[in-house]
Amino acid sequence: MTIDKVVATPAVADIADGASIVTSGFGLSHGFAASLIVALRAQGTHRLCIIANSLGSGPFRAQSLIESHQVDRLIVSFTGRAGAGLSAAEEQIRAGEITVELVPQGTLVERLRAGGAGIGPSTPAPGSAPKSPRARRSVTSTASPTSLRPR
């Protein structure tokens, strides 16, 4: 028995205009979802927000979506490599076509990890949350305020 893993609709069919896409971008040579980026470019989805460490270059990287003017926001650690010349992203940032949020690499990774764990921006910052499970419980006391004072 053979199993056909090919689906009739493209994997990017449900990605609408204005979607946020997290893509790889750590280093020059690594694995990434090349076929999905190509399909997204062919689909023509616009106003994308790309979240990545870097954008890379070539037809199978996030930079190709920028070159086809499908991106209007970036959340990245950097937009180009020193000495590589201006990328399409940097040109569009300078022209005001793309907004960019530069985030240090470690912070970006932690934000992605936290988001995947369901920890959103409303979560208290470290150090402000109670330290022990007992301290997190709601405590109800019937004692009067004066009986709680030290003797």
N, C-alpha and C. Protein backbone atom coordinates (compact mmCIF):
# COMPACT_ATOMS: atom_id res chain seq x y z
N MET A 1 0.84 -1.17 0.00
CA MET A 1 0.00 0.00 0.00
C MET A 1 0.89 1.25 0.00
N THR A 2 0.61 2.19 -0.87
CA THR A 2 1.35 3.44 -0.91
C THR A 2 0.48 4.55 -0.33
N ILE A 3 1.13 5.48 0.29
CA ILE A 3 0.43 6.61 0.87
C ILE A 3 0.82 7.85 0.08
N ASP A 4 -0.19 8.53 -0.43
CA ASP A 4 0.04 9.75 -1.18
C ASP A 4 -0.02 10.92 -0.21
N LYS A 5 1.09 11.62 -0.01
CA LYS A 5 1.15 12.73 0.93
C LYS A 5 0.95 14.09 0.25
N VAL A 6 0.66 14.08 -1.03
CA VAL A 6 0.45 15.32 -1.76
C VAL A 6 -1.00 15.76 -1.57
N VAL A 7 -1.18 17.01 -1.19
CA VAL A 7 -2.53 17.52 -0.99
C VAL A 7 -2.95 18.34 -2.20
N ALA A 8 -4.24 18.40 -2.43
CA ALA A 8 -4.76 19.09 -3.61
C ALA A 8 -4.58 20.60 -3.52
N THR A 9 -4.72 21.18 -2.33
CA THR A 9 -4.57 22.62 -2.19
C THR A 9 -3.18 22.93 -1.65
N PRO A 10 -2.60 24.03 -2.09
CA PRO A 10 -1.27 24.39 -1.60
C PRO A 10 -1.29 24.66 -0.10
N ALA A 11 -0.19 24.40 0.55
CA ALA A 11 -0.08 24.61 1.99
C ALA A 11 -0.24 26.08 2.37
N VAL A 12 -0.04 26.98 1.42
CA VAL A 12 -0.13 28.41 1.72
C VAL A 12 -1.50 28.99 1.38
N ALA A 13 -2.43 28.16 0.96
CA ALA A 13 -3.74 28.66 0.53
C ALA A 13 -4.46 29.44 1.63
N ASP A 14 -4.26 29.07 2.88
CA ASP A 14 -4.93 29.74 3.99
C ASP A 14 -4.18 30.95 4.52
N ILE A 15 -3.02 31.27 3.95
CA ILE A 15 -2.26 32.43 4.40
C ILE A 15 -2.81 33.66 3.68
N ALA A 16 -3.47 34.52 4.45
CA ALA A 16 -4.15 35.69 3.89
C ALA A 16 -3.25 36.92 3.89
N ASP A 17 -3.67 37.93 3.15
CA ASP A 17 -2.98 39.21 3.17
C ASP A 17 -2.89 39.70 4.62
N GLY A 18 -1.74 40.25 4.99
CA GLY A 18 -1.55 40.78 6.34
C GLY A 18 -1.06 39.75 7.34
N ALA A 19 -0.81 38.53 6.92
CA ALA A 19 -0.36 37.47 7.84
C ALA A 19 1.08 37.71 8.30
N SER A 20 1.41 37.13 9.45
CA SER A 20 2.78 37.14 9.95
C SER A 20 3.39 35.77 9.68
N ILE A 21 4.59 35.77 9.13
CA ILE A 21 5.28 34.54 8.75
C ILE A 21 6.61 34.49 9.50
N VAL A 22 6.84 33.40 10.23
CA VAL A 22 8.14 33.19 10.86
C VAL A 22 8.92 32.27 9.95
N THR A 23 10.11 32.69 9.56
CA THR A 23 10.93 31.87 8.68
C THR A 23 12.35 31.79 9.23
N SER A 24 13.05 30.77 8.80
CA SER A 24 14.42 30.63 9.27
C SER A 24 15.28 31.74 8.69
N GLY A 25 16.45 31.87 9.22
CA GLY A 25 17.35 32.90 8.77
C GLY A 25 18.56 32.99 9.65
N PHE A 26 19.08 31.86 10.09
CA PHE A 26 20.26 31.85 10.94
C PHE A 26 21.44 31.37 10.10
N GLY A 27 22.25 32.29 9.64
CA GLY A 27 23.41 31.93 8.84
C GLY A 27 23.12 31.92 7.34
N LEU A 28 24.15 31.65 6.57
CA LEU A 28 24.00 31.69 5.11
C LEU A 28 23.54 30.36 4.53
N SER A 29 23.85 29.27 5.19
CA SER A 29 23.53 27.96 4.64
C SER A 29 22.83 27.11 5.69
N HIS A 30 21.57 26.84 5.48
CA HIS A 30 20.79 26.04 6.42
C HIS A 30 19.51 25.60 5.74
N GLY A 31 18.76 24.76 6.39
CA GLY A 31 17.49 24.30 5.85
C GLY A 31 16.39 25.32 6.10
N PHE A 32 15.51 25.48 5.16
CA PHE A 32 14.40 26.39 5.31
C PHE A 32 13.27 25.94 4.38
N ALA A 33 12.11 26.49 4.56
CA ALA A 33 10.92 26.07 3.81
C ALA A 33 10.89 26.72 2.43
N ALA A 34 11.84 26.33 1.57
CA ALA A 34 11.97 26.95 0.25
C ALA A 34 10.70 26.83 -0.57
N SER A 35 10.11 25.65 -0.61
CA SER A 35 8.92 25.46 -1.45
C SER A 35 7.75 26.29 -0.94
N LEU A 36 7.66 26.49 0.37
CA LEU A 36 6.57 27.31 0.90
C LEU A 36 6.78 28.78 0.56
N ILE A 37 8.01 29.25 0.61
CA ILE A 37 8.28 30.64 0.25
C ILE A 37 7.98 30.87 -1.23
N VAL A 38 8.38 29.93 -2.07
CA VAL A 38 8.10 30.03 -3.51
C VAL A 38 6.59 30.03 -3.75
N ALA A 39 5.86 29.14 -3.06
CA ALA A 39 4.40 29.08 -3.23
C ALA A 39 3.73 30.36 -2.74
N LEU A 40 4.23 30.91 -1.66
CA LEU A 40 3.67 32.16 -1.12
C LEU A 40 3.91 33.31 -2.08
N ARG A 41 5.08 33.32 -2.68
CA ARG A 41 5.38 34.36 -3.68
C ARG A 41 4.46 34.21 -4.89
N ALA A 42 4.27 32.99 -5.36
CA ALA A 42 3.41 32.74 -6.52
C ALA A 42 1.95 33.07 -6.21
N GLN A 43 1.54 32.82 -4.98
CA GLN A 43 0.15 33.12 -4.58
C GLN A 43 -0.11 34.62 -4.59
N GLY A 44 0.94 35.40 -4.33
CA GLY A 44 0.79 36.86 -4.37
C GLY A 44 0.24 37.48 -3.12
N THR A 45 0.33 36.80 -2.00
CA THR A 45 -0.14 37.35 -0.72
C THR A 45 0.66 38.61 -0.40
N HIS A 46 -0.04 39.67 0.03
CA HIS A 46 0.61 40.96 0.29
C HIS A 46 0.48 41.37 1.75
N ARG A 47 1.16 42.46 2.10
CA ARG A 47 1.17 43.06 3.44
C ARG A 47 1.64 42.06 4.50
N LEU A 48 2.60 41.24 4.14
CA LEU A 48 3.12 40.24 5.07
C LEU A 48 4.04 40.88 6.10
N CYS A 49 4.08 40.27 7.26
CA CYS A 49 5.07 40.60 8.29
C CYS A 49 6.00 39.39 8.37
N ILE A 50 7.27 39.61 8.09
CA ILE A 50 8.26 38.55 8.14
C ILE A 50 9.02 38.64 9.45
N ILE A 51 9.08 37.52 10.17
CA ILE A 51 9.81 37.44 11.43
C ILE A 51 10.95 36.45 11.21
N ALA A 52 12.18 36.92 11.35
CA ALA A 52 13.35 36.06 11.11
C ALA A 52 14.57 36.71 11.72
N ASN A 53 15.62 35.92 11.88
CA ASN A 53 16.89 36.48 12.34
C ASN A 53 17.45 37.37 11.24
N SER A 54 17.56 36.82 10.03
CA SER A 54 18.00 37.59 8.87
C SER A 54 17.17 37.15 7.68
N LEU A 55 17.29 37.87 6.58
CA LEU A 55 16.42 37.62 5.44
C LEU A 55 17.04 36.76 4.36
N GLY A 56 18.36 36.62 4.39
CA GLY A 56 19.02 35.81 3.37
C GLY A 56 18.89 36.43 1.99
N SER A 57 19.32 35.69 0.99
CA SER A 57 19.20 36.15 -0.38
C SER A 57 18.95 34.94 -1.27
N GLY A 58 18.46 35.21 -2.44
CA GLY A 58 18.17 34.13 -3.37
C GLY A 58 16.68 33.91 -3.53
N PRO A 59 16.31 33.09 -4.50
CA PRO A 59 14.89 32.92 -4.85
C PRO A 59 14.08 32.15 -3.82
N PHE A 60 14.70 31.51 -2.87
CA PHE A 60 13.97 30.67 -1.93
C PHE A 60 13.99 31.21 -0.51
N ARG A 61 14.36 32.45 -0.34
CA ARG A 61 14.46 33.05 0.99
C ARG A 61 13.44 34.18 1.14
N ALA A 62 13.26 34.67 2.35
CA ALA A 62 12.31 35.74 2.62
C ALA A 62 12.59 36.98 1.79
N GLN A 63 13.85 37.19 1.45
CA GLN A 63 14.23 38.35 0.64
C GLN A 63 13.46 38.37 -0.68
N SER A 64 13.15 37.18 -1.23
CA SER A 64 12.42 37.13 -2.50
C SER A 64 11.01 37.68 -2.36
N LEU A 65 10.39 37.50 -1.19
CA LEU A 65 9.06 38.08 -0.96
C LEU A 65 9.15 39.60 -0.89
N ILE A 66 10.25 40.09 -0.37
CA ILE A 66 10.46 41.54 -0.30
C ILE A 66 10.69 42.10 -1.70
N GLU A 67 11.49 41.39 -2.48
CA GLU A 67 11.76 41.83 -3.86
C GLU A 67 10.48 41.93 -4.68
N SER A 68 9.50 41.10 -4.38
CA SER A 68 8.23 41.15 -5.12
C SER A 68 7.21 42.05 -4.42
N HIS A 69 7.66 42.87 -3.46
CA HIS A 69 6.84 43.87 -2.76
C HIS A 69 5.62 43.25 -2.08
N GLN A 70 5.82 42.10 -1.44
CA GLN A 70 4.74 41.44 -0.71
C GLN A 70 4.83 41.66 0.79
N VAL A 71 5.87 42.35 1.25
CA VAL A 71 6.12 42.53 2.68
C VAL A 71 6.00 44.00 3.04
N ASP A 72 5.32 44.27 4.16
CA ASP A 72 5.29 45.67 4.62
C ASP A 72 5.80 45.84 6.04
N ARG A 73 6.20 44.72 6.70
CA ARG A 73 6.75 44.84 8.06
C ARG A 73 7.76 43.73 8.30
N LEU A 74 8.84 44.08 8.97
CA LEU A 74 9.88 43.11 9.33
C LEU A 74 10.14 43.16 10.83
N ILE A 75 10.31 41.97 11.41
CA ILE A 75 10.80 41.85 12.79
C ILE A 75 12.02 40.96 12.67
N VAL A 76 13.21 41.56 12.71
CA VAL A 76 14.45 40.85 12.40
C VAL A 76 15.58 41.33 13.31
N SER A 77 16.66 40.54 13.35
CA SER A 77 17.86 40.97 14.08
C SER A 77 18.70 41.89 13.22
N PHE A 78 18.72 41.65 11.94
CA PHE A 78 19.41 42.55 11.02
C PHE A 78 18.86 42.35 9.61
N THR A 79 19.05 43.35 8.75
CA THR A 79 18.47 43.30 7.40
C THR A 79 19.47 42.97 6.32
N GLY A 80 20.75 43.09 6.60
CA GLY A 80 21.76 42.78 5.59
C GLY A 80 23.12 42.57 6.22
N ARG A 81 24.00 42.01 5.45
CA ARG A 81 25.35 41.73 5.93
C ARG A 81 26.29 42.86 5.52
N ALA A 82 27.23 43.16 6.38
CA ALA A 82 28.20 44.21 6.10
C ALA A 82 28.95 43.93 4.81
N GLY A 83 29.09 44.94 3.99
CA GLY A 83 29.84 44.82 2.75
C GLY A 83 29.07 44.16 1.61
N ALA A 84 27.82 43.76 1.83
CA ALA A 84 27.05 43.06 0.79
C ALA A 84 26.26 44.03 -0.09
N GLY A 85 26.31 45.29 0.20
CA GLY A 85 25.52 46.25 -0.57
C GLY A 85 24.10 46.30 -0.04
N LEU A 86 23.31 47.23 -0.58
CA LEU A 86 21.94 47.37 -0.12
C LEU A 86 21.07 46.24 -0.65
N SER A 87 20.32 45.62 0.24
CA SER A 87 19.38 44.58 -0.17
C SER A 87 18.06 45.25 -0.54
N ALA A 88 17.17 44.47 -1.13
CA ALA A 88 15.84 44.99 -1.47
C ALA A 88 15.13 45.47 -0.21
N ALA A 89 15.32 44.75 0.89
CA ALA A 89 14.70 45.15 2.16
C ALA A 89 15.21 46.51 2.60
N GLU A 90 16.51 46.71 2.56
CA GLU A 90 17.08 47.98 3.01
C GLU A 90 16.63 49.13 2.12
N GLU A 91 16.54 48.88 0.82
CA GLU A 91 16.06 49.92 -0.10
C GLU A 91 14.61 50.29 0.21
N GLN A 92 13.76 49.29 0.47
CA GLN A 92 12.35 49.57 0.76
C GLN A 92 12.17 50.19 2.14
N ILE A 93 13.05 49.84 3.09
CA ILE A 93 13.01 50.48 4.41
C ILE A 93 13.33 51.95 4.26
N ARG A 94 14.39 52.26 3.51
CA ARG A 94 14.78 53.67 3.30
C ARG A 94 13.70 54.46 2.58
N ALA A 95 12.97 53.80 1.68
CA ALA A 95 11.90 54.46 0.93
C ALA A 95 10.61 54.57 1.73
N GLY A 96 10.58 53.97 2.94
CA GLY A 96 9.38 54.04 3.77
C GLY A 96 8.31 53.03 3.37
N GLU A 97 8.65 52.07 2.54
CA GLU A 97 7.67 51.07 2.10
C GLU A 97 7.54 49.92 3.10
N ILE A 98 8.56 49.70 3.90
CA ILE A 98 8.57 48.63 4.90
C ILE A 98 8.96 49.23 6.24
N THR A 99 8.21 48.84 7.28
CA THR A 99 8.62 49.21 8.63
C THR A 99 9.43 48.05 9.19
N VAL A 100 10.37 48.38 10.06
CA VAL A 100 11.25 47.34 10.60
C VAL A 100 11.36 47.50 12.11
N GLU A 101 11.32 46.38 12.80
CA GLU A 101 11.60 46.33 14.23
C GLU A 101 12.85 45.48 14.38
N LEU A 102 13.94 46.12 14.77
CA LEU A 102 15.20 45.40 14.99
C LEU A 102 15.22 44.87 16.42
N VAL A 103 15.42 43.57 16.54
CA VAL A 103 15.39 42.89 17.83
C VAL A 103 16.67 42.09 18.00
N PRO A 104 17.37 42.23 19.12
CA PRO A 104 18.57 41.41 19.32
C PRO A 104 18.25 39.93 19.17
N GLN A 105 19.19 39.18 18.63
CA GLN A 105 18.95 37.77 18.30
C GLN A 105 18.42 36.96 19.47
N GLY A 106 19.02 37.08 20.63
CA GLY A 106 18.57 36.32 21.80
C GLY A 106 17.16 36.69 22.22
N THR A 107 16.85 37.97 22.17
CA THR A 107 15.51 38.44 22.52
C THR A 107 14.49 37.92 21.51
N LEU A 108 14.85 37.94 20.23
CA LEU A 108 13.96 37.43 19.18
C LEU A 108 13.65 35.96 19.42
N VAL A 109 14.67 35.17 19.68
CA VAL A 109 14.49 33.74 19.93
C VAL A 109 13.61 33.53 21.15
N GLU A 110 13.83 34.29 22.20
CA GLU A 110 13.02 34.14 23.42
C GLU A 110 11.58 34.54 23.17
N ARG A 111 11.36 35.59 22.39
CA ARG A 111 9.98 35.99 22.07
C ARG A 111 9.28 34.90 21.28
N LEU A 112 9.97 34.26 20.35
CA LEU A 112 9.39 33.17 19.58
C LEU A 112 9.09 31.97 20.48
N ARG A 113 10.04 31.64 21.37
CA ARG A 113 9.83 30.52 22.29
C ARG A 113 8.64 30.79 23.20
N ALA A 114 8.59 31.98 23.75
CA ALA A 114 7.50 32.34 24.64
C ALA A 114 6.16 32.31 23.91
N GLY A 115 6.13 32.81 22.71
CA GLY A 115 4.89 32.79 21.93
C GLY A 115 4.43 31.37 21.65
N GLY A 116 5.37 30.49 21.34
CA GLY A 116 5.04 29.09 21.11
C GLY A 116 4.54 28.40 22.36
N ALA A 117 4.98 28.88 23.51
CA ALA A 117 4.55 28.31 24.79
C ALA A 117 3.28 28.96 25.30
N GLY A 118 2.74 29.91 24.56
CA GLY A 118 1.52 30.59 24.97
C GLY A 118 1.72 31.67 26.00
N ILE A 119 2.96 32.13 26.12
CA ILE A 119 3.26 33.20 27.08
C ILE A 119 3.26 34.51 26.32
N GLY A 120 2.26 35.32 26.52
CA GLY A 120 2.11 36.54 25.75
C GLY A 120 2.72 37.74 26.43
N PRO A 121 2.60 38.90 25.80
CA PRO A 121 3.19 40.12 26.35
C PRO A 121 2.56 40.59 27.65
N SER A 122 1.38 40.06 28.01
CA SER A 122 0.76 40.49 29.26
C SER A 122 1.29 39.73 30.47
N THR A 123 2.15 38.75 30.23
CA THR A 123 2.74 37.98 31.32
C THR A 123 3.69 38.87 32.12
N PRO A 124 3.65 38.80 33.45
CA PRO A 124 4.55 39.66 34.24
C PRO A 124 6.02 39.40 33.89
N ALA A 125 6.79 40.44 33.98
CA ALA A 125 8.23 40.33 33.71
C ALA A 125 8.88 39.49 34.80
N PRO A 126 10.00 38.82 34.47
CA PRO A 126 10.71 38.05 35.50
C PRO A 126 11.05 38.96 36.67
N GLY A 127 10.88 38.43 37.85
CA GLY A 127 11.18 39.22 39.04
C GLY A 127 9.94 39.87 39.63
N SER A 128 8.88 40.02 38.83
CA SER A 128 7.68 40.66 39.36
C SER A 128 6.63 39.62 39.74
N ALA A 129 6.79 38.39 39.29
CA ALA A 129 5.84 37.33 39.61
C ALA A 129 6.21 36.69 40.95
N PRO A 130 5.23 36.16 41.66
CA PRO A 130 5.55 35.46 42.91
C PRO A 130 6.53 34.31 42.66
N LYS A 131 7.40 34.05 43.61
CA LYS A 131 8.46 33.06 43.43
C LYS A 131 8.02 31.63 43.68
N SER A 132 7.08 31.42 44.58
CA SER A 132 6.70 30.06 44.91
C SER A 132 5.24 29.80 44.55
N PRO A 133 4.87 28.55 44.30
CA PRO A 133 3.47 28.24 44.02
C PRO A 133 2.55 28.66 45.16
N ARG A 134 3.04 28.54 46.41
CA ARG A 134 2.23 28.93 47.57
C ARG A 134 1.92 30.43 47.52
N ALA A 135 2.87 31.25 47.08
CA ALA A 135 2.68 32.69 47.03
C ALA A 135 1.69 33.08 45.95
N ARG A 136 1.46 32.21 44.97
CA ARG A 136 0.52 32.52 43.88
C ARG A 136 -0.93 32.30 44.29
N ARG A 137 -1.17 31.52 45.34
CA ARG A 137 -2.54 31.22 45.75
C ARG A 137 -3.19 32.43 46.39
N SER A 138 -4.48 32.54 46.17
CA SER A 138 -5.23 33.59 46.81
C SER A 138 -5.38 33.25 48.30
N VAL A 139 -5.08 34.19 49.16
CA VAL A 139 -5.15 33.96 50.60
C VAL A 139 -6.28 34.80 51.16
N THR A 140 -7.17 34.12 51.88
CA THR A 140 -8.26 34.82 52.54
C THR A 140 -8.05 34.70 54.05
N SER A 141 -8.14 35.82 54.74
CA SER A 141 -7.92 35.80 56.18
C SER A 141 -9.12 36.40 56.89
N THR A 142 -9.48 35.80 58.00
CA THR A 142 -10.56 36.35 58.82
C THR A 142 -10.00 37.19 59.97
N ALA A 143 -8.67 37.26 60.06
CA ALA A 143 -8.04 38.02 61.15
C ALA A 143 -8.20 39.50 60.90
N SER A 144 -8.32 40.24 61.96
CA SER A 144 -8.42 41.69 61.81
C SER A 144 -7.03 42.25 61.55
N PRO A 145 -6.92 43.40 60.90
CA PRO A 145 -5.62 43.99 60.61
C PRO A 145 -4.75 44.18 61.86
N THR A 146 -5.36 44.46 62.99
CA THR A 146 -4.56 44.68 64.20
C THR A 146 -3.98 43.38 64.73
N SER A 147 -4.63 42.25 64.49
CA SER A 147 -4.10 40.98 65.00
C SER A 147 -2.93 40.50 64.19
N LEU A 148 -2.68 41.09 63.03
CA LEU A 148 -1.57 40.70 62.17
C LEU A 148 -0.29 41.47 62.47
N ARG A 149 -0.38 42.47 63.34
CA ARG A 149 0.79 43.27 63.67
C ARG A 149 1.73 42.48 64.57
N PRO A 150 3.04 42.68 64.41
CA PRO A 150 3.99 42.00 65.30
C PRO A 150 3.80 42.47 66.73
N ARG A 151 4.04 41.59 67.70
CA ARG A 151 3.87 41.95 69.14
C ARG A 151 5.15 42.41 69.73
